[in-house]
């Protein structure tokens, strides 16, 4: 077998592998339901978030964390689309919501006491 045949064959194999590894047209990556819950909060609760976060968020160094979880496992009651979302500033819960991603509702709830 000539060197040229090996080189062409190798290039074809690499090309085929590369094409096969690419997402195919029409393939869609599933969006996280947790991300959908956060997105609803971000879209509908900007005023509330600003009201509870009175710091200069452009310059302070406080940690801000978001938590998303289902209130309970799906079972007798279908909690597939139900989420509790909380916003913490330096470890203290500043705001919390109950979110239903199916109904696209966001309900403010009282932050949990320490």
Protein backbone atom coordinates (compact mmCIF):
# COMPACT_ATOMS: atom_id res chain seq x y z
CA UNK A 1 0.00 0.00 0.00
CA UNK A 2 1.46 3.38 -0.93
CA UNK A 3 2.02 6.22 1.48
CA UNK A 4 -0.42 8.33 -0.52
CA UNK A 5 -3.18 5.70 -0.13
CA UNK A 6 -2.59 5.56 3.63
CA UNK A 7 -2.65 9.35 3.90
CA UNK A 8 -5.88 9.68 1.89
CA UNK A 9 -7.50 6.84 3.85
CA UNK A 10 -6.47 8.42 7.16
CA UNK A 11 -7.87 11.79 6.10
CA UNK A 12 -11.15 10.19 5.07
CA UNK A 13 -11.44 8.37 8.41
CA UNK A 14 -10.73 11.55 10.39
CA UNK A 15 -13.22 13.47 8.26
CA UNK A 16 -15.91 10.83 8.71
CA UNK A 17 -15.32 10.74 12.47
CA UNK A 18 -15.46 14.52 12.70
CA UNK A 19 -18.70 14.74 10.75
CA UNK A 20 -20.25 11.96 12.81
CA UNK A 21 -19.32 13.69 16.06
CA UNK A 22 -21.12 16.92 15.13
CA UNK A 23 -24.71 17.52 16.25
CA UNK A 24 -27.03 16.68 13.40
CA UNK A 25 -29.30 19.34 12.01
CA UNK A 26 -32.54 19.24 13.92
CA UNK A 27 -31.01 17.72 17.07
CA UNK A 28 -32.11 19.77 20.06
CA UNK A 29 -30.51 19.76 23.47
CA UNK A 30 -33.07 19.38 26.22
CA UNK A 31 -33.41 22.42 28.48
CA UNK A 32 -33.19 21.79 32.21
CA UNK A 33 -36.55 22.20 33.96
CA UNK A 34 -34.61 23.81 36.82
CA UNK A 35 -33.25 26.42 34.40
CA UNK A 36 -36.81 27.05 33.17
CA UNK A 37 -37.89 27.78 36.75
CA UNK A 38 -35.01 30.23 37.20
CA UNK A 39 -35.79 31.86 33.88
CA UNK A 40 -39.39 32.50 34.97
CA UNK A 41 -38.17 34.11 38.18
CA UNK A 42 -35.64 36.27 36.31
CA UNK A 43 -38.28 37.40 33.78
CA UNK A 44 -41.04 38.20 36.27
CA UNK A 45 -39.32 39.14 39.54
CA UNK A 46 -36.65 41.71 38.65
CA UNK A 47 -38.25 44.38 40.86
CA UNK A 48 -38.46 42.03 43.84
CA UNK A 49 -34.86 40.90 43.39
CA UNK A 50 -33.69 44.52 43.37
CA UNK A 51 -35.85 45.33 46.40
CA UNK A 52 -34.22 42.63 48.52
CA UNK A 53 -30.71 43.23 47.18
CA UNK A 54 -30.11 46.84 48.17
CA UNK A 55 -26.32 46.63 47.95
CA UNK A 56 -24.26 48.09 45.13
CA UNK A 57 -24.17 44.78 43.26
CA UNK A 58 -21.81 46.19 40.66
CA UNK A 59 -18.99 46.55 43.18
CA UNK A 60 -19.58 44.51 46.33
CA UNK A 61 -18.06 41.07 46.84
CA UNK A 62 -20.96 39.34 48.58
CA UNK A 63 -21.80 35.86 47.38
CA UNK A 64 -25.14 35.49 45.66
CA UNK A 65 -26.54 32.03 45.12
CA UNK A 66 -29.68 30.65 43.56
CA UNK A 67 -31.21 27.37 44.63
CA UNK A 68 -33.83 25.39 42.73
CA UNK A 69 -35.48 22.18 43.96
CA UNK A 70 -38.75 20.36 43.81
CA UNK A 71 -40.78 20.59 47.02
CA UNK A 72 -41.16 16.79 46.99
CA UNK A 73 -40.64 13.87 44.63
CA UNK A 74 -43.22 13.23 41.91
CA UNK A 75 -45.64 10.54 43.01
CA UNK A 76 -49.22 10.72 44.21
CA UNK A 77 -49.05 14.47 43.57
CA UNK A 78 -47.30 15.33 40.31
CA UNK A 79 -44.52 17.77 41.19
CA UNK A 80 -42.81 17.48 37.81
CA UNK A 81 -43.31 21.19 37.09
CA UNK A 82 -43.22 22.53 40.66
CA UNK A 83 -40.11 24.18 42.06
CA UNK A 84 -38.98 26.15 45.07
CA UNK A 85 -36.52 28.86 44.05
CA UNK A 86 -34.52 30.82 46.60
CA UNK A 87 -32.07 33.71 46.36
CA UNK A 88 -29.36 34.00 48.99
CA UNK A 89 -27.00 36.87 49.71
CA UNK A 90 -23.97 35.87 51.78
CA UNK A 91 -25.79 32.73 52.90
CA UNK A 92 -28.96 34.51 54.07
CA UNK A 93 -32.16 33.80 52.17
CA UNK A 94 -33.31 37.15 50.78
CA UNK A 95 -36.24 35.99 48.65
CA UNK A 96 -38.06 32.80 47.71
CA UNK A 97 -40.69 31.75 45.23
CA UNK A 98 -42.93 28.81 44.33
CA UNK A 99 -42.75 28.27 40.58
CA UNK A 100 -44.95 26.17 38.30
CA UNK A 101 -43.23 25.90 34.93
CA UNK A 102 -46.28 24.30 33.26
CA UNK A 103 -48.62 27.13 34.26
CA UNK A 104 -45.79 29.68 34.06
CA UNK A 105 -46.66 31.06 37.50
CA UNK A 106 -44.32 32.53 40.09
CA UNK A 107 -45.61 33.04 43.62
CA UNK A 108 -43.63 34.92 46.24
CA UNK A 109 -43.19 33.02 49.51
CA UNK A 110 -41.70 34.10 52.78
CA UNK A 111 -38.01 33.29 53.17
CA UNK A 112 -37.35 30.51 55.65
CA UNK A 113 -36.35 31.67 59.11
CA UNK A 114 -32.80 30.98 60.24
